[in-house]
Amino acid sequence: MPRINVKQGELAHWLQLIAAERDTGLAPDAVPSNVREGLILLSCVTESEQGRLMVTEKGRLSLRMAGPDAIHLS
């Protein structure tokens, strides 16, 4: 798998911003290219027919798992 060159927490930050634009999606040029490519590679976002970034089911799951109320068993 290719290495994604981002800072810790950067993917989660941008995924939250894209998710906030739930109905319209976010313009791809609003997201840094390395982050956009990483989120697409991880299947957390996809480009809609209108060319906007939309969160996928996997992306929504990632957001729920990152939440403070997520249950993590150790």
PDB file of N, CA and C in Angstrom:
ATOM      1  N   MET A   1       0.844  -1.168   0.000  1.00  0.00           N
ATOM      2  CA  MET A   1       0.000   0.000   0.000  1.00  0.00           C
ATOM      3  C   MET A   1       0.895   1.238   0.000  1.00  0.00           C
ATOM      4  N   PRO A   2       0.576   2.218  -0.828  1.00  0.00           N
ATOM      5  CA  PRO A   2       1.388   3.435  -0.863  1.00  0.00           C
ATOM      6  C   PRO A   2       1.321   4.189   0.456  1.00  0.00           C
ATOM      7  N   ARG A   3       2.381   4.869   0.777  1.00  0.00           N
ATOM      8  CA  ARG A   3       2.432   5.658   2.014  1.00  0.00           C
ATOM      9  C   ARG A   3       1.701   6.981   1.787  1.00  0.00           C
ATOM     10  N   ILE A   4       0.865   7.350   2.753  1.00  0.00           N
ATOM     11  CA  ILE A   4       0.116   8.598   2.684  1.00  0.00           C
ATOM     12  C   ILE A   4       0.858   9.622   3.526  1.00  0.00           C
ATOM     13  N   ASN A   5       1.309  10.698   2.917  1.00  0.00           N
ATOM     14  CA  ASN A   5       2.136  11.695   3.585  1.00  0.00           C
ATOM     15  C   ASN A   5       1.257  12.787   4.200  1.00  0.00           C
ATOM     16  N   VAL A   6       0.803  12.552   5.438  1.00  0.00           N
ATOM     17  CA  VAL A   6      -0.016  13.525   6.156  1.00  0.00           C
ATOM     18  C   VAL A   6       0.414  13.566   7.618  1.00  0.00           C
ATOM     19  N   LYS A   7       0.025  14.632   8.304  1.00  0.00           N
ATOM     20  CA  LYS A   7       0.303  14.754   9.734  1.00  0.00           C
ATOM     21  C   LYS A   7      -0.750  13.987  10.519  1.00  0.00           C
ATOM     22  N   GLN A   8      -0.426  13.635  11.757  1.00  0.00           N
ATOM     23  CA  GLN A   8      -1.358  12.916  12.607  1.00  0.00           C
ATOM     24  C   GLN A   8      -2.625  13.743  12.793  1.00  0.00           C
ATOM     25  N   GLY A   9      -3.762  13.125  12.575  1.00  0.00           N
ATOM     26  CA  GLY A   9      -5.053  13.772  12.747  1.00  0.00           C
ATOM     27  C   GLY A   9      -5.541  14.557  11.545  1.00  0.00           C
ATOM     28  N   GLU A  10      -4.685  14.714  10.531  1.00  0.00           N
ATOM     29  CA  GLU A  10      -5.052  15.520   9.369  1.00  0.00           C
ATOM     30  C   GLU A  10      -6.178  14.879   8.543  1.00  0.00           C
ATOM     31  N   LEU A  11      -6.113  13.557   8.355  1.00  0.00           N
ATOM     32  CA  LEU A  11      -7.167  12.888   7.591  1.00  0.00           C
ATOM     33  C   LEU A  11      -8.506  13.012   8.304  1.00  0.00           C
ATOM     34  N   ALA A  12      -8.510  12.820   9.617  1.00  0.00           N
ATOM     35  CA  ALA A  12      -9.745  12.917  10.393  1.00  0.00           C
ATOM     36  C   ALA A  12     -10.309  14.332  10.335  1.00  0.00           C
ATOM     37  N   HIS A  13      -9.451  15.313  10.425  1.00  0.00           N
ATOM     38  CA  HIS A  13      -9.882  16.715  10.357  1.00  0.00           C
ATOM     39  C   HIS A  13     -10.600  16.999   9.045  1.00  0.00           C
ATOM     40  N   TRP A  14      -9.976  16.627   7.938  1.00  0.00           N
ATOM     41  CA  TRP A  14     -10.568  16.900   6.630  1.00  0.00           C
ATOM     42  C   TRP A  14     -11.799  16.042   6.379  1.00  0.00           C
ATOM     43  N   LEU A  15     -11.803  14.814   6.880  1.00  0.00           N
ATOM     44  CA  LEU A  15     -12.973  13.955   6.728  1.00  0.00           C
ATOM     45  C   LEU A  15     -14.168  14.588   7.438  1.00  0.00           C
ATOM     46  N   GLN A  16     -13.948  15.178   8.601  1.00  0.00           N
ATOM     47  CA  GLN A  16     -15.026  15.864   9.318  1.00  0.00           C
ATOM     48  C   GLN A  16     -15.535  17.067   8.534  1.00  0.00           C
ATOM     49  N   LEU A  17     -14.644  17.817   7.915  1.00  0.00           N
ATOM     50  CA  LEU A  17     -15.055  18.975   7.119  1.00  0.00           C
ATOM     51  C   LEU A  17     -15.869  18.550   5.898  1.00  0.00           C
ATOM     52  N   ILE A  18     -15.453  17.466   5.267  1.00  0.00           N
ATOM     53  CA  ILE A  18     -16.195  16.967   4.104  1.00  0.00           C
ATOM     54  C   ILE A  18     -17.563  16.461   4.549  1.00  0.00           C
ATOM     55  N   ALA A  19     -17.608  15.774   5.682  1.00  0.00           N
ATOM     56  CA  ALA A  19     -18.872  15.252   6.199  1.00  0.00           C
ATOM     57  C   ALA A  19     -19.832  16.380   6.574  1.00  0.00           C
ATOM     58  N   ALA A  20     -19.309  17.516   6.987  1.00  0.00           N
ATOM     59  CA  ALA A  20     -20.155  18.653   7.346  1.00  0.00           C
ATOM     60  C   ALA A  20     -20.924  19.175   6.139  1.00  0.00           C
ATOM     61  N   GLU A  21     -20.398  18.953   4.958  1.00  0.00           N
ATOM     62  CA  GLU A  21     -21.061  19.365   3.718  1.00  0.00           C
ATOM     63  C   GLU A  21     -21.855  18.189   3.163  1.00  0.00           C
ATOM     64  N   ARG A  22     -22.607  17.566   4.019  1.00  0.00           N
ATOM     65  CA  ARG A  22     -23.326  16.318   3.743  1.00  0.00           C
ATOM     66  C   ARG A  22     -24.142  16.338   2.459  1.00  0.00           C
ATOM     67  N   ASP A  23     -24.912  17.394   2.233  1.00  0.00           N
ATOM     68  CA  ASP A  23     -25.827  17.421   1.094  1.00  0.00           C
ATOM     69  C   ASP A  23     -25.157  17.821  -0.216  1.00  0.00           C
ATOM     70  N   THR A  24     -24.204  18.726  -0.144  1.00  0.00           N
ATOM     71  CA  THR A  24     -23.600  19.233  -1.373  1.00  0.00           C
ATOM     72  C   THR A  24     -22.217  18.679  -1.649  1.00  0.00           C
ATOM     73  N   GLY A  25     -21.537  18.178  -0.625  1.00  0.00           N
ATOM     74  CA  GLY A  25     -20.160  17.730  -0.803  1.00  0.00           C
ATOM     75  C   GLY A  25     -19.220  18.919  -0.775  1.00  0.00           C
ATOM     76  N   LEU A  26     -17.947  18.645  -0.810  1.00  0.00           N
ATOM     77  CA  LEU A  26     -16.928  19.692  -0.740  1.00  0.00           C
ATOM     78  C   LEU A  26     -16.159  19.701  -2.048  1.00  0.00           C
ATOM     79  N   ALA A  27     -15.825  20.879  -2.522  1.00  0.00           N
ATOM     80  CA  ALA A  27     -15.046  20.995  -3.752  1.00  0.00           C
ATOM     81  C   ALA A  27     -13.674  20.363  -3.548  1.00  0.00           C
ATOM     82  N   PRO A  28     -13.237  19.530  -4.502  1.00  0.00           N
ATOM     83  CA  PRO A  28     -11.943  18.855  -4.351  1.00  0.00           C
ATOM     84  C   PRO A  28     -10.771  19.811  -4.159  1.00  0.00           C
ATOM     85  N   ASP A  29     -10.822  20.984  -4.781  1.00  0.00           N
ATOM     86  CA  ASP A  29      -9.702  21.911  -4.654  1.00  0.00           C
ATOM     87  C   ASP A  29      -9.664  22.603  -3.289  1.00  0.00           C
ATOM     88  N   ALA A  30     -10.678  22.398  -2.449  1.00  0.00           N
ATOM     89  CA  ALA A  30     -10.685  22.945  -1.094  1.00  0.00           C
ATOM     90  C   ALA A  30      -9.864  22.082  -0.137  1.00  0.00           C
ATOM     91  N   VAL A  31      -9.541  20.867  -0.574  1.00  0.00           N
ATOM     92  CA  VAL A  31      -8.806  19.905   0.255  1.00  0.00           C
ATOM     93  C   VAL A  31      -7.393  19.741  -0.320  1.00  0.00           C
ATOM     94  N   PRO A  32      -6.353  19.767   0.517  1.00  0.00           N
ATOM     95  CA  PRO A  32      -4.997  19.555   0.002  1.00  0.00           C
ATOM     96  C   PRO A  32      -4.923  18.241  -0.795  1.00  0.00           C
ATOM     97  N   SER A  33      -4.177  18.253  -1.882  1.00  0.00           N
ATOM     98  CA  SER A  33      -4.145  17.105  -2.790  1.00  0.00           C
ATOM     99  C   SER A  33      -3.675  15.823  -2.103  1.00  0.00           C
ATOM    100  N   ASN A  34      -2.680  15.906  -1.195  1.00  0.00           N
ATOM    101  CA  ASN A  34      -2.208  14.693  -0.537  1.00  0.00           C
ATOM    102  C   ASN A  34      -3.279  14.109   0.384  1.00  0.00           C
ATOM    103  N   VAL A  35      -4.064  14.962   1.016  1.00  0.00           N
ATOM    104  CA  VAL A  35      -5.148  14.504   1.890  1.00  0.00           C
ATOM    105  C   VAL A  35      -6.271  13.911   1.050  1.00  0.00           C
ATOM    106  N   ARG A  36      -6.639  14.592  -0.022  1.00  0.00           N
ATOM    107  CA  ARG A  36      -7.693  14.107  -0.921  1.00  0.00           C
ATOM    108  C   ARG A  36      -7.342  12.727  -1.461  1.00  0.00           C
ATOM    109  N   GLU A  37      -6.113  12.568  -1.938  1.00  0.00           N
ATOM    110  CA  GLU A  37      -5.681  11.279  -2.477  1.00  0.00           C
ATOM    111  C   GLU A  37      -5.697  10.196  -1.401  1.00  0.00           C
ATOM    112  N   GLY A  38      -5.278  10.540  -0.185  1.00  0.00           N
ATOM    113  CA  GLY A  38      -5.275   9.581   0.915  1.00  0.00           C
ATOM    114  C   GLY A  38      -6.680   9.126   1.274  1.00  0.00           C
ATOM    115  N   LEU A  39      -7.611  10.065   1.371  1.00  0.00           N
ATOM    116  CA  LEU A  39      -8.991   9.715   1.722  1.00  0.00           C
ATOM    117  C   LEU A  39      -9.657   8.887   0.630  1.00  0.00           C
ATOM    118  N   ILE A  40      -9.342   9.186  -0.620  1.00  0.00           N
ATOM    119  CA  ILE A  40      -9.884   8.387  -1.733  1.00  0.00           C
ATOM    120  C   ILE A  40      -9.257   6.998  -1.721  1.00  0.00           C
ATOM    121  N   LEU A  41      -7.949   6.919  -1.497  1.00  0.00           N
ATOM    122  CA  LEU A  41      -7.250   5.632  -1.451  1.00  0.00           C
ATOM    123  C   LEU A  41      -7.803   4.749  -0.337  1.00  0.00           C
ATOM    124  N   LEU A  42      -8.134   5.349   0.789  1.00  0.00           N
ATOM    125  CA  LEU A  42      -8.680   4.603   1.918  1.00  0.00           C
ATOM    126  C   LEU A  42     -10.184   4.350   1.784  1.00  0.00           C
ATOM    127  N   SER A  43     -10.777   4.800   0.698  1.00  0.00           N
ATOM    128  CA  SER A  43     -12.214   4.642   0.419  1.00  0.00           C
ATOM    129  C   SER A  43     -13.095   5.340   1.441  1.00  0.00           C
ATOM    130  N   CYS A  44     -12.600   6.416   2.027  1.00  0.00           N
ATOM    131  CA  CYS A  44     -13.396   7.195   2.981  1.00  0.00           C
ATOM    132  C   CYS A  44     -14.216   8.271   2.276  1.00  0.00           C
ATOM    133  N   VAL A  45     -13.766   8.696   1.109  1.00  0.00           N
ATOM    134  CA  VAL A  45     -14.512   9.654   0.304  1.00  0.00           C
ATOM    135  C   VAL A  45     -14.503   9.202  -1.149  1.00  0.00           C
ATOM    136  N   THR A  46     -15.430   9.730  -1.889  1.00  0.00           N
ATOM    137  CA  THR A  46     -15.504   9.483  -3.323  1.00  0.00           C
ATOM    138  C   THR A  46     -15.909  10.781  -4.003  1.00  0.00           C
ATOM    139  N   GLU A  47     -15.645  10.885  -5.290  1.00  0.00           N
ATOM    140  CA  GLU A  47     -16.081  12.062  -6.032  1.00  0.00           C
ATOM    141  C   GLU A  47     -17.447  11.777  -6.628  1.00  0.00           C
ATOM    142  N   SER A  48     -18.375  12.708  -6.435  1.00  0.00           N
ATOM    143  CA  SER A  48     -19.719  12.559  -6.984  1.00  0.00           C
ATOM    144  C   SER A  48     -19.691  12.873  -8.475  1.00  0.00           C
ATOM    145  N   GLU A  49     -20.825  12.678  -9.120  1.00  0.00           N
ATOM    146  CA  GLU A  49     -20.920  12.984 -10.551  1.00  0.00           C
ATOM    147  C   GLU A  49     -20.691  14.468 -10.819  1.00  0.00           C
ATOM    148  N   GLN A  50     -20.983  15.297  -9.812  1.00  0.00           N
ATOM    149  CA  GLN A  50     -20.773  16.744  -9.945  1.00  0.00           C
ATOM    150  C   GLN A  50     -19.332  17.140  -9.621  1.00  0.00           C
ATOM    151  N   GLY A  51     -18.491  16.167  -9.269  1.00  0.00           N
ATOM    152  CA  GLY A  51     -17.091  16.433  -8.973  1.00  0.00           C
ATOM    153  C   GLY A  51     -16.832  16.864  -7.549  1.00  0.00           C
ATOM    154  N   ARG A  52     -17.803  16.702  -6.664  1.00  0.00           N
ATOM    155  CA  ARG A  52     -17.656  17.078  -5.261  1.00  0.00           C
ATOM    156  C   ARG A  52     -17.232  15.863  -4.435  1.00  0.00           C
ATOM    157  N   LEU A  53     -16.506  16.096  -3.351  1.00  0.00           N
ATOM    158  CA  LEU A  53     -16.090  15.014  -2.463  1.00  0.00           C
ATOM    159  C   LEU A  53     -17.228  14.679  -1.512  1.00  0.00           C
ATOM    160  N   MET A  54     -17.585  13.400  -1.450  1.00  0.00           N
ATOM    161  CA  MET A  54     -18.672  12.920  -0.597  1.00  0.00           C
ATOM    162  C   MET A  54     -18.129  11.809   0.290  1.00  0.00           C
ATOM    163  N   VAL A  55     -18.572  11.778   1.542  1.00  0.00           N
ATOM    164  CA  VAL A  55     -18.145  10.749   2.488  1.00  0.00           C
ATOM    165  C   VAL A  55     -18.861   9.440   2.163  1.00  0.00           C
ATOM    166  N   THR A  56     -18.121   8.341   2.177  1.00  0.00           N
ATOM    167  CA  THR A  56     -18.678   7.009   1.922  1.00  0.00           C
ATOM    168  C   THR A  56     -19.124   6.383   3.245  1.00  0.00           C
ATOM    169  N   GLU A  57     -19.729   5.204   3.160  1.00  0.00           N
ATOM    170  CA  GLU A  57     -20.108   4.474   4.372  1.00  0.00           C
ATOM    171  C   GLU A  57     -18.875   4.199   5.238  1.00  0.00           C
ATOM    172  N   LYS A  58     -17.776   3.828   4.608  1.00  0.00           N
ATOM    173  CA  LYS A  58     -16.537   3.573   5.358  1.00  0.00           C
ATOM    174  C   LYS A  58     -16.067   4.845   6.052  1.00  0.00           C
ATOM    175  N   GLY A  59     -16.218   5.972   5.393  1.00  0.00           N
ATOM    176  CA  GLY A  59     -15.848   7.247   6.004  1.00  0.00           C
ATOM    177  C   GLY A  59     -16.723   7.579   7.196  1.00  0.00           C
ATOM    178  N   ARG A  60     -18.028   7.328   7.092  1.00  0.00           N
ATOM    179  CA  ARG A  60     -18.933   7.567   8.214  1.00  0.00           C
ATOM    180  C   ARG A  60     -18.593   6.651   9.391  1.00  0.00           C
ATOM    181  N   LEU A  61     -18.247   5.405   9.082  1.00  0.00           N
ATOM    182  CA  LEU A  61     -17.836   4.472  10.133  1.00  0.00           C
ATOM    183  C   LEU A  61     -16.559   4.976  10.813  1.00  0.00           C
ATOM    184  N   SER A  62     -15.628   5.462  10.034  1.00  0.00           N
ATOM    185  CA  SER A  62     -14.378   6.003  10.594  1.00  0.00           C
ATOM    186  C   SER A  62     -14.661   7.164  11.531  1.00  0.00           C
ATOM    187  N   LEU A  63     -15.580   8.032  11.144  1.00  0.00           N
ATOM    188  CA  LEU A  63     -15.932   9.162  11.994  1.00  0.00           C
ATOM    189  C   LEU A  63     -16.579   8.695  13.296  1.00  0.00           C
ATOM    190  N   ARG A  64     -17.460   7.696  13.207  1.00  0.00           N
ATOM    191  CA  ARG A  64     -18.098   7.181  14.426  1.00  0.00           C
ATOM    192  C   ARG A  64     -17.065   6.534  15.342  1.00  0.00           C
ATOM    193  N   MET A  65     -16.116   5.796  14.788  1.00  0.00           N
ATOM    194  CA  MET A  65     -15.101   5.110  15.593  1.00  0.00           C
ATOM    195  C   MET A  65     -14.125   6.100  16.226  1.00  0.00           C
ATOM    196  N   ALA A  66     -13.955   7.250  15.627  1.00  0.00           N
ATOM    197  CA  ALA A  66     -13.051   8.264  16.174  1.00  0.00           C
ATOM    198  C   ALA A  66     -13.722   9.102  17.250  1.00  0.00           C
ATOM    199  N   GLY A  67     -15.037   8.990  17.353  1.00  0.00           N
ATOM    200  CA  GLY A  67     -15.783   9.789  18.317  1.00  0.00           C
ATOM    201  C   GLY A  67     -15.482   9.395  19.750  1.00  0.00           C
ATOM    202  N   PRO A  68     -15.664  10.331  20.681  1.00  0.00           N
ATOM    203  CA  PRO A  68     -15.359  10.057  22.088  1.00  0.00           C
ATOM    204  C   PRO A  68     -16.286   9.021  22.714  1.00  0.00           C
ATOM    205  N   ASP A  69     -17.457   8.808  22.129  1.00  0.00           N
ATOM    206  CA  ASP A  69     -18.399   7.845  22.692  1.00  0.00           C
ATOM    207  C   ASP A  69     -18.275   6.457  22.058  1.00  0.00           C
ATOM    208  N   ALA A  70     -17.266   6.262  21.196  1.00  0.00           N
ATOM    209  CA  ALA A  70     -17.049   4.965  20.560  1.00  0.00           C
ATOM    210  C   ALA A  70     -16.592   3.940  21.607  1.00  0.00           C
ATOM    211  N   ILE A  71     -17.060   2.734  21.478  1.00  0.00           N
ATOM    212  CA  ILE A  71     -16.681   1.674  22.404  1.00  0.00           C
ATOM    213  C   ILE A  71     -15.463   0.951  21.837  1.00  0.00           C
ATOM    214  N   HIS A  72     -14.384   0.950  22.595  1.00  0.00           N
ATOM    215  CA  HIS A  72     -13.169   0.251  22.183  1.00  0.00           C
ATOM    216  C   HIS A  72     -12.832  -0.795  23.237  1.00  0.00           C
ATOM    217  N   LEU A  73     -12.784  -2.024  22.817  1.00  0.00           N
ATOM    218  CA  LEU A  73     -12.453  -3.120  23.739  1.00  0.00           C
ATOM    219  C   LEU A  73     -10.956  -3.370  23.697  1.00  0.00           C
ATOM    220  N   SER A  74     -10.368  -3.588  24.833  1.00  0.00           N
ATOM    221  CA  SER A  74      -8.927  -3.842  24.847  1.00  0.00           C
ATOM    222  C   SER A  74      -8.640  -5.253  25.319  1.00  0.00           C
TER     223      SER A  74
END
